[in-house]
Amino acid sequence: VLDTRDTFFQRDPFAWPDLKRRRRDPDHAKDLYVYEENGHKTVGSCRWNRGWLKGCFPNMPNDPSAPVRCSGSTLGSRDAMLTYVDAMLAASDEFMCHRKGIPSDQGYHNFL
C-alpha cells in the first residue's frame, strides 16, 4: 500500500537481501513491513499524529517517544496485508474516528 503521488523508489523494493531471504522461510506469509515517516519525528512531537491519536483514542496508552509510522508505506505478503486491512477496518468500526471529525488512516495505523 503506497501513496502514489509522493512515492519514489531509489531501487527495486523487492530486491532487498533480507526480503529475498525471508521469502524462503515457511512463515513468510506473516511478514508486514511498516516504515517510519521521519527519523526525527515522534508521536509526541508531531502535532498531527499526536492529535489524531489523542483525539480518537484518548483513553489508550501510547508512547510519545515512539516513531511515527507512515500509513502510506506498508508492504507485506498477501496474508499479512489481509490481516492488516482487517485490523484497520475493525478499528475504524470500533472507534469511528471519522464521526469525531478525525478522518485519519494514519491515526489508526499508529494506534495498531
PDB file of N, CA and C in Angstrom:
ATOM      1  N   VAL A   1       0.870  -1.151   0.000  1.00  0.00           N
ATOM      2  CA  VAL A   1       0.000   0.000   0.000  1.00  0.00           C
ATOM      3  C   VAL A   1       0.917   1.214   0.000  1.00  0.00           C
ATOM      4  N   LEU A   2       0.757   2.052  -1.022  1.00  0.00           N
ATOM      5  CA  LEU A   2       1.620   3.235  -1.124  1.00  0.00           C
ATOM      6  C   LEU A   2       0.819   4.457  -1.534  1.00  0.00           C
ATOM      7  N   ASP A   3       1.220   5.601  -1.003  1.00  0.00           N
ATOM      8  CA  ASP A   3       0.717   6.867  -1.521  1.00  0.00           C
ATOM      9  C   ASP A   3       1.342   7.041  -2.893  1.00  0.00           C
ATOM     10  N   THR A   4       0.533   7.132  -3.916  1.00  0.00           N
ATOM     11  CA  THR A   4       1.085   7.129  -5.267  1.00  0.00           C
ATOM     12  C   THR A   4       1.675   8.454  -5.696  1.00  0.00           C
ATOM     13  N   ARG A   5       1.211   9.558  -5.157  1.00  0.00           N
ATOM     14  CA  ARG A   5       1.698  10.851  -5.630  1.00  0.00           C
ATOM     15  C   ARG A   5       3.006  11.285  -4.996  1.00  0.00           C
ATOM     16  N   ASP A   6       3.394  10.670  -3.890  1.00  0.00           N
ATOM     17  CA  ASP A   6       4.644  11.107  -3.261  1.00  0.00           C
ATOM     18  C   ASP A   6       5.583   9.941  -2.968  1.00  0.00           C
ATOM     19  N   THR A   7       5.546   8.929  -3.831  1.00  0.00           N
ATOM     20  CA  THR A   7       6.412   7.770  -3.651  1.00  0.00           C
ATOM     21  C   THR A   7       7.422   7.716  -4.789  1.00  0.00           C
ATOM     22  N   PHE A   8       8.675   7.555  -4.421  1.00  0.00           N
ATOM     23  CA  PHE A   8       9.748   7.448  -5.387  1.00  0.00           C
ATOM     24  C   PHE A   8      10.666   6.326  -4.926  1.00  0.00           C
ATOM     25  N   PHE A   9      10.924   5.366  -5.791  1.00  0.00           N
ATOM     26  CA  PHE A   9      11.809   4.256  -5.447  1.00  0.00           C
ATOM     27  C   PHE A   9      13.217   4.555  -5.929  1.00  0.00           C
ATOM     28  N   GLN A  10      14.161   4.412  -5.030  1.00  0.00           N
ATOM     29  CA  GLN A  10      15.557   4.599  -5.409  1.00  0.00           C
ATOM     30  C   GLN A  10      16.151   3.305  -5.955  1.00  0.00           C
ATOM     31  N   ARG A  11      15.477   2.215  -5.653  1.00  0.00           N
ATOM     32  CA  ARG A  11      15.858   0.900  -6.201  1.00  0.00           C
ATOM     33  C   ARG A  11      14.675  -0.038  -6.059  1.00  0.00           C
ATOM     34  N   ASP A  12      14.781  -1.226  -6.574  1.00  0.00           N
ATOM     35  CA  ASP A  12      13.707  -2.209  -6.545  1.00  0.00           C
ATOM     36  C   ASP A  12      13.370  -2.556  -5.088  1.00  0.00           C
ATOM     37  N   PRO A  13      12.149  -2.256  -4.623  1.00  0.00           N
ATOM     38  CA  PRO A  13      11.809  -2.527  -3.219  1.00  0.00           C
ATOM     39  C   PRO A  13      11.708  -4.017  -2.897  1.00  0.00           C
ATOM     40  N   PHE A  14      11.616  -4.850  -3.905  1.00  0.00           N
ATOM     41  CA  PHE A  14      11.504  -6.288  -3.672  1.00  0.00           C
ATOM     42  C   PHE A  14      12.847  -7.006  -3.795  1.00  0.00           C
ATOM     43  N   ALA A  15      13.907  -6.264  -4.025  1.00  0.00           N
ATOM     44  CA  ALA A  15      15.231  -6.860  -4.202  1.00  0.00           C
ATOM     45  C   ALA A  15      16.093  -6.807  -2.942  1.00  0.00           C
ATOM     46  N   TRP A  16      15.529  -6.390  -1.824  1.00  0.00           N
ATOM     47  CA  TRP A  16      16.301  -6.330  -0.588  1.00  0.00           C
ATOM     48  C   TRP A  16      16.817  -7.721  -0.223  1.00  0.00           C
ATOM     49  N   PRO A  17      18.078  -7.814   0.186  1.00  0.00           N
ATOM     50  CA  PRO A  17      18.599  -9.135   0.570  1.00  0.00           C
ATOM     51  C   PRO A  17      17.776  -9.792   1.687  1.00  0.00           C
ATOM     52  N   ASP A  18      17.364  -9.011   2.700  1.00  0.00           N
ATOM     53  CA  ASP A  18      16.573  -9.583   3.793  1.00  0.00           C
ATOM     54  C   ASP A  18      15.230 -10.095   3.300  1.00  0.00           C
ATOM     55  N   LEU A  19      14.616  -9.356   2.398  1.00  0.00           N
ATOM     56  CA  LEU A  19      13.315  -9.756   1.869  1.00  0.00           C
ATOM     57  C   LEU A  19      13.440 -11.024   1.026  1.00  0.00           C
ATOM     58  N   LYS A  20      14.482 -11.108   0.220  1.00  0.00           N
ATOM     59  CA  LYS A  20      14.700 -12.319  -0.582  1.00  0.00           C
ATOM     60  C   LYS A  20      14.885 -13.531   0.331  1.00  0.00           C
ATOM     61  N   ARG A  21      15.663 -13.354   1.399  1.00  0.00           N
ATOM     62  CA  ARG A  21      15.898 -14.452   2.341  1.00  0.00           C
ATOM     63  C   ARG A  21      14.604 -14.843   3.048  1.00  0.00           C
ATOM     64  N   ARG A  22      13.819 -13.845   3.448  1.00  0.00           N
ATOM     65  CA  ARG A  22      12.564 -14.114   4.163  1.00  0.00           C
ATOM     66  C   ARG A  22      11.571 -14.882   3.301  1.00  0.00           C
ATOM     67  N   ARG A  23      11.565 -14.643   2.007  1.00  0.00           N
ATOM     68  CA  ARG A  23      10.616 -15.337   1.129  1.00  0.00           C
ATOM     69  C   ARG A  23      10.807 -16.848   1.163  1.00  0.00           C
ATOM     70  N   ARG A  24      11.997 -17.283   1.513  1.00  0.00           N
ATOM     71  CA  ARG A  24      12.264 -18.729   1.579  1.00  0.00           C
ATOM     72  C   ARG A  24      11.806 -19.351   2.901  1.00  0.00           C
ATOM     73  N   ASP A  25      11.547 -18.516   3.901  1.00  0.00           N
ATOM     74  CA  ASP A  25      11.126 -19.025   5.207  1.00  0.00           C
ATOM     75  C   ASP A  25       9.658 -19.445   5.171  1.00  0.00           C
ATOM     76  N   PRO A  26       9.315 -20.533   5.861  1.00  0.00           N
ATOM     77  CA  PRO A  26       7.926 -21.021   5.834  1.00  0.00           C
ATOM     78  C   PRO A  26       6.913 -20.044   6.446  1.00  0.00           C
ATOM     79  N   ASP A  27       7.349 -19.187   7.363  1.00  0.00           N
ATOM     80  CA  ASP A  27       6.403 -18.257   7.986  1.00  0.00           C
ATOM     81  C   ASP A  27       6.391 -16.882   7.314  1.00  0.00           C
ATOM     82  N   HIS A  28       6.912 -16.783   6.097  1.00  0.00           N
ATOM     83  CA  HIS A  28       6.962 -15.511   5.364  1.00  0.00           C
ATOM     84  C   HIS A  28       5.579 -14.893   5.191  1.00  0.00           C
ATOM     85  N   ALA A  29       4.540 -15.689   5.156  1.00  0.00           N
ATOM     86  CA  ALA A  29       3.178 -15.171   4.950  1.00  0.00           C
ATOM     87  C   ALA A  29       2.761 -14.215   6.063  1.00  0.00           C
ATOM     88  N   LYS A  30       3.460 -14.220   7.190  1.00  0.00           N
ATOM     89  CA  LYS A  30       3.120 -13.351   8.318  1.00  0.00           C
ATOM     90  C   LYS A  30       3.795 -11.983   8.234  1.00  0.00           C
ATOM     91  N   ASP A  31       4.710 -11.794   7.305  1.00  0.00           N
ATOM     92  CA  ASP A  31       5.529 -10.588   7.266  1.00  0.00           C
ATOM     93  C   ASP A  31       4.756  -9.347   6.847  1.00  0.00           C
ATOM     94  N   LEU A  32       4.857  -8.317   7.673  1.00  0.00           N
ATOM     95  CA  LEU A  32       4.305  -6.999   7.370  1.00  0.00           C
ATOM     96  C   LEU A  32       5.404  -5.986   7.684  1.00  0.00           C
ATOM     97  N   TYR A  33       5.681  -5.109   6.737  1.00  0.00           N
ATOM     98  CA  TYR A  33       6.722  -4.106   6.908  1.00  0.00           C
ATOM     99  C   TYR A  33       6.067  -2.730   6.977  1.00  0.00           C
ATOM    100  N   VAL A  34       6.358  -1.995   8.027  1.00  0.00           N
ATOM    101  CA  VAL A  34       5.883  -0.624   8.157  1.00  0.00           C
ATOM    102  C   VAL A  34       7.118   0.266   8.282  1.00  0.00           C
ATOM    103  N   TYR A  35       6.963   1.518   7.881  1.00  0.00           N
ATOM    104  CA  TYR A  35       8.123   2.393   7.773  1.00  0.00           C
ATOM    105  C   TYR A  35       7.919   3.688   8.537  1.00  0.00           C
ATOM    106  N   GLU A  36       9.008   4.180   9.084  1.00  0.00           N
ATOM    107  CA  GLU A  36       8.965   5.441   9.807  1.00  0.00           C
ATOM    108  C   GLU A  36       8.848   6.589   8.819  1.00  0.00           C
ATOM    109  N   GLU A  37       8.098   7.585   9.219  1.00  0.00           N
ATOM    110  CA  GLU A  37       7.878   8.735   8.344  1.00  0.00           C
ATOM    111  C   GLU A  37       9.082   9.669   8.322  1.00  0.00           C
ATOM    112  N   ASN A  38       9.690   9.898   9.479  1.00  0.00           N
ATOM    113  CA  ASN A  38      10.799  10.831   9.588  1.00  0.00           C
ATOM    114  C   ASN A  38      11.578  10.417  10.828  1.00  0.00           C
ATOM    115  N   GLY A  39      12.855  10.236  10.698  1.00  0.00           N
ATOM    116  CA  GLY A  39      13.659   9.766  11.816  1.00  0.00           C
ATOM    117  C   GLY A  39      13.674  10.670  13.030  1.00  0.00           C
ATOM    118  N   HIS A  40      13.321  11.942  12.858  1.00  0.00           N
ATOM    119  CA  HIS A  40      13.339  12.890  13.971  1.00  0.00           C
ATOM    120  C   HIS A  40      11.960  13.122  14.573  1.00  0.00           C
ATOM    121  N   LYS A  41      10.954  12.609  13.931  1.00  0.00           N
ATOM    122  CA  LYS A  41       9.577  12.853  14.361  1.00  0.00           C
ATOM    123  C   LYS A  41       9.106  11.709  15.263  1.00  0.00           C
ATOM    124  N   THR A  42       8.480  12.059  16.379  1.00  0.00           N
ATOM    125  CA  THR A  42       7.886  11.048  17.253  1.00  0.00           C
ATOM    126  C   THR A  42       6.391  11.313  17.355  1.00  0.00           C
ATOM    127  N   VAL A  43       5.674  10.343  17.872  1.00  0.00           N
ATOM    128  CA  VAL A  43       4.230  10.514  18.063  1.00  0.00           C
ATOM    129  C   VAL A  43       3.969  11.715  18.974  1.00  0.00           C
ATOM    130  N   GLY A  44       4.804  11.903  19.970  1.00  0.00           N
ATOM    131  CA  GLY A  44       4.613  13.015  20.895  1.00  0.00           C
ATOM    132  C   GLY A  44       5.027  14.368  20.343  1.00  0.00           C
ATOM    133  N   SER A  45       6.004  14.396  19.433  1.00  0.00           N
ATOM    134  CA  SER A  45       6.483  15.683  18.925  1.00  0.00           C
ATOM    135  C   SER A  45       5.760  16.158  17.667  1.00  0.00           C
ATOM    136  N   CYS A  46       5.045  15.277  17.013  1.00  0.00           N
ATOM    137  CA  CYS A  46       4.314  15.663  15.802  1.00  0.00           C
ATOM    138  C   CYS A  46       2.877  16.025  16.161  1.00  0.00           C
ATOM    139  N   ARG A  47       2.529  17.272  15.978  1.00  0.00           N
ATOM    140  CA  ARG A  47       1.196  17.713  16.403  1.00  0.00           C
ATOM    141  C   ARG A  47       0.087  16.986  15.664  1.00  0.00           C
ATOM    142  N   TRP A  48       0.306  16.640  14.398  1.00  0.00           N
ATOM    143  CA  TRP A  48      -0.742  15.957  13.635  1.00  0.00           C
ATOM    144  C   TRP A  48      -0.986  14.548  14.177  1.00  0.00           C
ATOM    145  N   ASN A  49       0.074  13.761  14.293  1.00  0.00           N
ATOM    146  CA  ASN A  49      -0.085  12.387  14.771  1.00  0.00           C
ATOM    147  C   ASN A  49      -0.536  12.350  16.222  1.00  0.00           C
ATOM    148  N   ARG A  50       0.017  13.227  17.029  1.00  0.00           N
ATOM    149  CA  ARG A  50      -0.410  13.311  18.430  1.00  0.00           C
ATOM    150  C   ARG A  50      -1.904  13.649  18.501  1.00  0.00           C
ATOM    151  N   GLY A  51      -2.340  14.585  17.672  1.00  0.00           N
ATOM    152  CA  GLY A  51      -3.751  14.979  17.652  1.00  0.00           C
ATOM    153  C   GLY A  51      -4.668  13.864  17.202  1.00  0.00           C
ATOM    154  N   TRP A  52      -4.252  13.121  16.161  1.00  0.00           N
ATOM    155  CA  TRP A  52      -5.087  12.011  15.690  1.00  0.00           C
ATOM    156  C   TRP A  52      -5.220  10.936  16.760  1.00  0.00           C
ATOM    157  N   LEU A  53      -4.123  10.624  17.426  1.00  0.00           N
ATOM    158  CA  LEU A  53      -4.167   9.577  18.453  1.00  0.00           C
ATOM    159  C   LEU A  53      -4.936  10.025  19.696  1.00  0.00           C
ATOM    160  N   LYS A  54      -4.655  11.215  20.186  1.00  0.00           N
ATOM    161  CA  LYS A  54      -5.358  11.694  21.390  1.00  0.00           C
ATOM    162  C   LYS A  54      -6.823  11.975  21.114  1.00  0.00           C
ATOM    163  N   GLY A  55      -7.117  12.493  19.922  1.00  0.00           N
ATOM    164  CA  GLY A  55      -8.498  12.817  19.584  1.00  0.00           C
ATOM    165  C   GLY A  55      -9.379  11.603  19.396  1.00  0.00           C
ATOM    166  N   CYS A  56      -8.796  10.546  18.879  1.00  0.00           N
ATOM    167  CA  CYS A  56      -9.602   9.366  18.594  1.00  0.00           C
ATOM    168  C   CYS A  56      -9.472   8.285  19.663  1.00  0.00           C
ATOM    169  N   PHE A  57      -8.323   8.184  20.275  1.00  0.00           N
ATOM    170  CA  PHE A  57      -8.073   7.124  21.261  1.00  0.00           C
ATOM    171  C   PHE A  57      -7.612   7.742  22.580  1.00  0.00           C
ATOM    172  N   PRO A  58      -8.425   8.608  23.191  1.00  0.00           N
ATOM    173  CA  PRO A  58      -7.963   9.365  24.359  1.00  0.00           C
ATOM    174  C   PRO A  58      -7.638   8.500  25.575  1.00  0.00           C
ATOM    175  N   ASN A  59      -8.258   7.363  25.713  1.00  0.00           N
ATOM    176  CA  ASN A  59      -8.028   6.518  26.890  1.00  0.00           C
ATOM    177  C   ASN A  59      -7.025   5.408  26.638  1.00  0.00           C
ATOM    178  N   MET A  60      -6.442   5.396  25.472  1.00  0.00           N
ATOM    179  CA  MET A  60      -5.482   4.360  25.136  1.00  0.00           C
ATOM    180  C   MET A  60      -4.070   4.848  25.430  1.00  0.00           C
ATOM    181  N   PRO A  61      -3.280   4.021  26.087  1.00  0.00           N
ATOM    182  CA  PRO A  61      -1.901   4.439  26.345  1.00  0.00           C
ATOM    183  C   PRO A  61      -1.114   4.452  25.036  1.00  0.00           C
ATOM    184  N   ASN A  62      -0.268   5.435  24.885  1.00  0.00           N
ATOM    185  CA  ASN A  62       0.658   5.415  23.756  1.00  0.00           C
ATOM    186  C   ASN A  62       1.978   5.994  24.227  1.00  0.00           C
ATOM    187  N   ASP A  63       3.005   5.617  23.546  1.00  0.00           N
ATOM    188  CA  ASP A  63       4.352   6.031  23.911  1.00  0.00           C
ATOM    189  C   ASP A  63       4.706   7.282  23.109  1.00  0.00           C
ATOM    190  N   PRO A  64       4.819   8.450  23.740  1.00  0.00           N
ATOM    191  CA  PRO A  64       5.108   9.671  22.997  1.00  0.00           C
ATOM    192  C   PRO A  64       6.478   9.654  22.307  1.00  0.00           C
ATOM    193  N   SER A  65       7.368   8.759  22.746  1.00  0.00           N
ATOM    194  CA  SER A  65       8.685   8.678  22.106  1.00  0.00           C
ATOM    195  C   SER A  65       8.704   7.703  20.927  1.00  0.00           C
ATOM    196  N   ALA A  66       7.568   7.053  20.655  1.00  0.00           N
ATOM    197  CA  ALA A  66       7.503   6.109  19.538  1.00  0.00           C
ATOM    198  C   ALA A  66       7.632   6.858  18.213  1.00  0.00           C
ATOM    199  N   PRO A  67       8.334   6.267  17.258  1.00  0.00           N
ATOM    200  CA  PRO A  67       8.444   6.929  15.956  1.00  0.00           C
ATOM    201  C   PRO A  67       7.100   6.925  15.239  1.00  0.00           C
ATOM    202  N   VAL A  68       6.910   7.924  14.376  1.00  0.00           N
ATOM    203  CA  VAL A  68       5.703   7.988  13.563  1.00  0.00           C
ATOM    204  C   VAL A  68       5.851   6.982  12.432  1.00  0.00           C
ATOM    205  N   ARG A  69       4.884   6.110  12.302  1.00  0.00           N
ATOM    206  CA  ARG A  69       4.866   5.139  11.209  1.00  0.00           C
ATOM    207  C   ARG A  69       3.950   5.685  10.113  1.00  0.00           C
ATOM    208  N   CYS A  70       4.414   5.644   8.879  1.00  0.00           N
ATOM    209  CA  CYS A  70       3.673   6.198   7.754  1.00  0.00           C
ATOM    210  C   CYS A  70       2.660   5.186   7.226  1.00  0.00           C
ATOM    211  N   SER A  71       1.377   5.532   7.282  1.00  0.00           N
ATOM    212  CA  SER A  71       0.346   4.614   6.781  1.00  0.00           C
ATOM    213  C   SER A  71       0.385   4.491   5.266  1.00  0.00           C
ATOM    214  N   GLY A  72       1.046   5.423   4.599  1.00  0.00           N
ATOM    215  CA  GLY A  72       1.131   5.388   3.148  1.00  0.00           C
ATOM    216  C   GLY A  72       2.276   4.556   2.626  1.00  0.00           C
ATOM    217  N   SER A  73       2.975   3.838   3.501  1.00  0.00           N
ATOM    218  CA  SER A  73       4.074   2.959   3.093  1.00  0.00           C
ATOM    219  C   SER A  73       4.003   1.678   3.908  1.00  0.00           C
ATOM    220  N   THR A  74       3.248   0.737   3.415  1.00  0.00           N
ATOM    221  CA  THR A  74       3.067  -0.542   4.105  1.00  0.00           C
ATOM    222  C   THR A  74       3.255  -1.654   3.090  1.00  0.00           C
ATOM    223  N   LEU A  75       4.114  -2.595   3.400  1.00  0.00           N
ATOM    224  CA  LEU A  75       4.448  -3.678   2.486  1.00  0.00           C
ATOM    225  C   LEU A  75       4.269  -4.996   3.221  1.00  0.00           C
ATOM    226  N   GLY A  76       3.723  -5.981   2.545  1.00  0.00           N
ATOM    227  CA  GLY A  76       3.583  -7.275   3.198  1.00  0.00           C
ATOM    228  C   GLY A  76       3.139  -8.355   2.242  1.00  0.00           C
ATOM    229  N   SER A  77       3.184  -9.561   2.746  1.00  0.00           N
ATOM    230  CA  SER A  77       2.677 -10.691   1.968  1.00  0.00           C
ATOM    231  C   SER A  77       1.157 -10.555   1.845  1.00  0.00           C
ATOM    232  N   ARG A  78       0.574 -11.354   1.004  1.00  0.00           N
ATOM    233  CA  ARG A  78      -0.878 -11.314   0.821  1.00  0.00           C
ATOM    234  C   ARG A  78      -1.592 -11.535   2.154  1.00  0.00           C
ATOM    235  N   ASP A  79      -1.195 -12.574   2.867  1.00  0.00           N
ATOM    236  CA  ASP A  79      -1.847 -12.883   4.142  1.00  0.00           C
ATOM    237  C   ASP A  79      -1.662 -11.767   5.158  1.00  0.00           C
ATOM    238  N   ALA A  80      -0.452 -11.214   5.220  1.00  0.00           N
ATOM    239  CA  ALA A  80      -0.187 -10.132   6.176  1.00  0.00           C
ATOM    240  C   ALA A  80      -0.998  -8.887   5.829  1.00  0.00           C
ATOM    241  N   MET A  81      -1.112  -8.568   4.547  1.00  0.00           N
ATOM    242  CA  MET A  81      -1.882  -7.392   4.141  1.00  0.00           C
ATOM    243  C   MET A  81      -3.369  -7.584   4.417  1.00  0.00           C
ATOM    244  N   LEU A  82      -3.878  -8.783   4.207  1.00  0.00           N
ATOM    245  CA  LEU A  82      -5.288  -9.039   4.519  1.00  0.00           C
ATOM    246  C   LEU A  82      -5.543  -8.886   6.022  1.00  0.00           C
ATOM    247  N   THR A  83      -4.632  -9.366   6.838  1.00  0.00           N
ATOM    248  CA  THR A  83      -4.754  -9.216   8.292  1.00  0.00           C
ATOM    249  C   THR A  83      -4.692  -7.745   8.673  1.00  0.00           C
ATOM    250  N   TYR A  84      -3.781  -7.000   8.048  1.00  0.00           N
ATOM    251  CA  TYR A  84      -3.633  -5.562   8.307  1.00  0.00           C
ATOM    252  C   TYR A  84      -4.913  -4.810   7.943  1.00  0.00           C
ATOM    253  N   VAL A  85      -5.447  -5.075   6.758  1.00  0.00           N
ATOM    254  CA  VAL A  85      -6.672  -4.394   6.318  1.00  0.00           C
ATOM    255  C   VAL A  85      -7.834  -4.749   7.244  1.00  0.00           C
ATOM    256  N   ASP A  86      -7.940  -6.005   7.634  1.00  0.00           N
ATOM    257  CA  ASP A  86      -8.997  -6.406   8.572  1.00  0.00           C
ATOM    258  C   ASP A  86      -8.861  -5.653   9.897  1.00  0.00           C
ATOM    259  N   ALA A  87      -7.632  -5.513  10.393  1.00  0.00           N
ATOM    260  CA  ALA A  87      -7.408  -4.795  11.654  1.00  0.00           C
ATOM    261  C   ALA A  87      -7.746  -3.309  11.512  1.00  0.00           C
ATOM    262  N   MET A  88      -7.377  -2.707  10.385  1.00  0.00           N
ATOM    263  CA  MET A  88      -7.702  -1.294  10.152  1.00  0.00           C
ATOM    264  C   MET A  88      -9.221  -1.099  10.091  1.00  0.00           C
ATOM    265  N   LEU A  89      -9.918  -1.983   9.380  1.00  0.00           N
ATOM    266  CA  LEU A  89     -11.376  -1.864   9.276  1.00  0.00           C
ATOM    267  C   LEU A  89     -12.051  -2.100  10.623  1.00  0.00           C
ATOM    268  N   ALA A  90     -11.555  -3.072  11.377  1.00  0.00           N
ATOM    269  CA  ALA A  90     -12.129  -3.349  12.699  1.00  0.00           C
ATOM    270  C   ALA A  90     -11.941  -2.145  13.625  1.00  0.00           C
ATOM    271  N   ALA A  91     -10.768  -1.524  13.581  1.00  0.00           N
ATOM    272  CA  ALA A  91     -10.521  -0.339  14.420  1.00  0.00           C
ATOM    273  C   ALA A  91     -11.424   0.813  13.984  1.00  0.00           C
ATOM    274  N   SER A  92     -11.603   0.963  12.683  1.00  0.00           N
ATOM    275  CA  SER A  92     -12.485   2.017  12.178  1.00  0.00           C
ATOM    276  C   SER A  92     -13.922   1.790  12.635  1.00  0.00           C
ATOM    277  N   ASP A  93     -14.368   0.544  12.563  1.00  0.00           N
ATOM    278  CA  ASP A  93     -15.724   0.219  13.013  1.00  0.00           C
ATOM    279  C   ASP A  93     -15.884   0.415  14.521  1.00  0.00           C
ATOM    280  N   GLU A  94     -14.851   0.065  15.280  1.00  0.00           N
ATOM    281  CA  GLU A  94     -14.942   0.169  16.739  1.00  0.00           C
ATOM    282  C   GLU A  94     -14.857   1.610  17.234  1.00  0.00           C
ATOM    283  N   PHE A  95     -13.894   2.372  16.731  1.00  0.00           N
ATOM    284  CA  PHE A  95     -13.643   3.709  17.275  1.00  0.00           C
ATOM    285  C   PHE A  95     -14.326   4.835  16.502  1.00  0.00           C
ATOM    286  N   MET A  96     -14.663   4.606  15.249  1.00  0.00           N
ATOM    287  CA  MET A  96     -15.364   5.576  14.396  1.00  0.00           C
ATOM    288  C   MET A  96     -14.783   6.992  14.493  1.00  0.00           C
ATOM    289  N   CYS A  97     -13.498   7.100  14.301  1.00  0.00           N
ATOM    290  CA  CYS A  97     -12.820   8.407  14.378  1.00  0.00           C
ATOM    291  C   CYS A  97     -13.411   9.405  13.397  1.00  0.00           C
ATOM    292  N   HIS A  98     -13.847   8.927  12.235  1.00  0.00           N
ATOM    293  CA  HIS A  98     -14.409   9.838  11.237  1.00  0.00           C
ATOM    294  C   HIS A  98     -15.651  10.548  11.772  1.00  0.00           C
ATOM    295  N   ARG A  99     -16.352   9.930  12.684  1.00  0.00           N
ATOM    296  CA  ARG A  99     -17.522  10.590  13.287  1.00  0.00           C
ATOM    297  C   ARG A  99     -17.125  11.633  14.321  1.00  0.00           C
ATOM    298  N   LYS A 100     -15.870  11.593  14.748  1.00  0.00           N
ATOM    299  CA  LYS A 100     -15.344  12.594  15.684  1.00  0.00           C
ATOM    300  C   LYS A 100     -14.617  13.707  14.928  1.00  0.00           C
ATOM    301  N   GLY A 101     -14.718  13.675  13.586  1.00  0.00           N
ATOM    302  CA  GLY A 101     -14.037  14.679  12.776  1.00  0.00           C
ATOM    303  C   GLY A 101     -12.557  14.398  12.578  1.00  0.00           C
ATOM    304  N   ILE A 102     -12.162  13.137  12.745  1.00  0.00           N
ATOM    305  CA  ILE A 102     -10.761  12.747  12.601  1.00  0.00           C
ATOM    306  C   ILE A 102     -10.663  11.668  11.524  1.00  0.00           C
ATOM    307  N   PRO A 103     -10.659  12.056  10.254  1.00  0.00           N
ATOM    308  CA  PRO A 103     -10.616  11.072   9.174  1.00  0.00           C
ATOM    309  C   PRO A 103      -9.178  10.649   8.853  1.00  0.00           C
ATOM    310  N   SER A 104      -8.528   9.974   9.771  1.00  0.00           N
ATOM    311  CA  SER A 104      -7.101   9.707   9.621  1.00  0.00           C
ATOM    312  C   SER A 104      -6.764   8.224   9.619  1.00  0.00           C
ATOM    313  N   ASP A 105      -6.378   7.715   8.465  1.00  0.00           N
ATOM    314  CA  ASP A 105      -5.884   6.342   8.420  1.00  0.00           C
ATOM    315  C   ASP A 105      -4.562   6.223   9.158  1.00  0.00           C
ATOM    316  N   GLN A 106      -3.793   7.308   9.189  1.00  0.00           N
ATOM    317  CA  GLN A 106      -2.503   7.254   9.894  1.00  0.00           C
ATOM    318  C   GLN A 106      -2.699   7.151  11.406  1.00  0.00           C
ATOM    319  N   GLY A 107      -3.751   7.751  11.928  1.00  0.00           N
ATOM    320  CA  GLY A 107      -4.048   7.583  13.355  1.00  0.00           C
ATOM    321  C   GLY A 107      -4.312   6.123  13.691  1.00  0.00           C
ATOM    322  N   TYR A 108      -5.128   5.470  12.887  1.00  0.00           N
ATOM    323  CA  TYR A 108      -5.400   4.041  13.094  1.00  0.00           C
ATOM    324  C   TYR A 108      -4.107   3.227  12.949  1.00  0.00           C
ATOM    325  N   HIS A 109      -3.344   3.551  11.929  1.00  0.00           N
ATOM    326  CA  HIS A 109      -2.101   2.827  11.634  1.00  0.00           C
ATOM    327  C   HIS A 109      -1.135   2.901  12.830  1.00  0.00           C
ATOM    328  N   ASN A 110      -0.959   4.094  13.387  1.00  0.00           N
ATOM    329  CA  ASN A 110      -0.047   4.251  14.526  1.00  0.00           C
ATOM    330  C   ASN A 110      -0.640   3.686  15.810  1.00  0.00           C
ATOM    331  N   PHE A 111      -1.948   3.688  15.914  1.00  0.00           N
ATOM    332  CA  PHE A 111      -2.608   3.072  17.078  1.00  0.00           C
ATOM    333  C   PHE A 111      -2.370   1.552  17.067  1.00  0.00           C
ATOM    334  N   LEU A 112      -2.549   0.936  15.893  1.00  0.00           N
ATOM    335  CA  LEU A 112      -2.358  -0.518  15.786  1.00  0.00           C
ATOM    336  C   LEU A 112      -0.903  -0.879  15.982  1.00  0.00           C
TER     337      LEU A 112
END
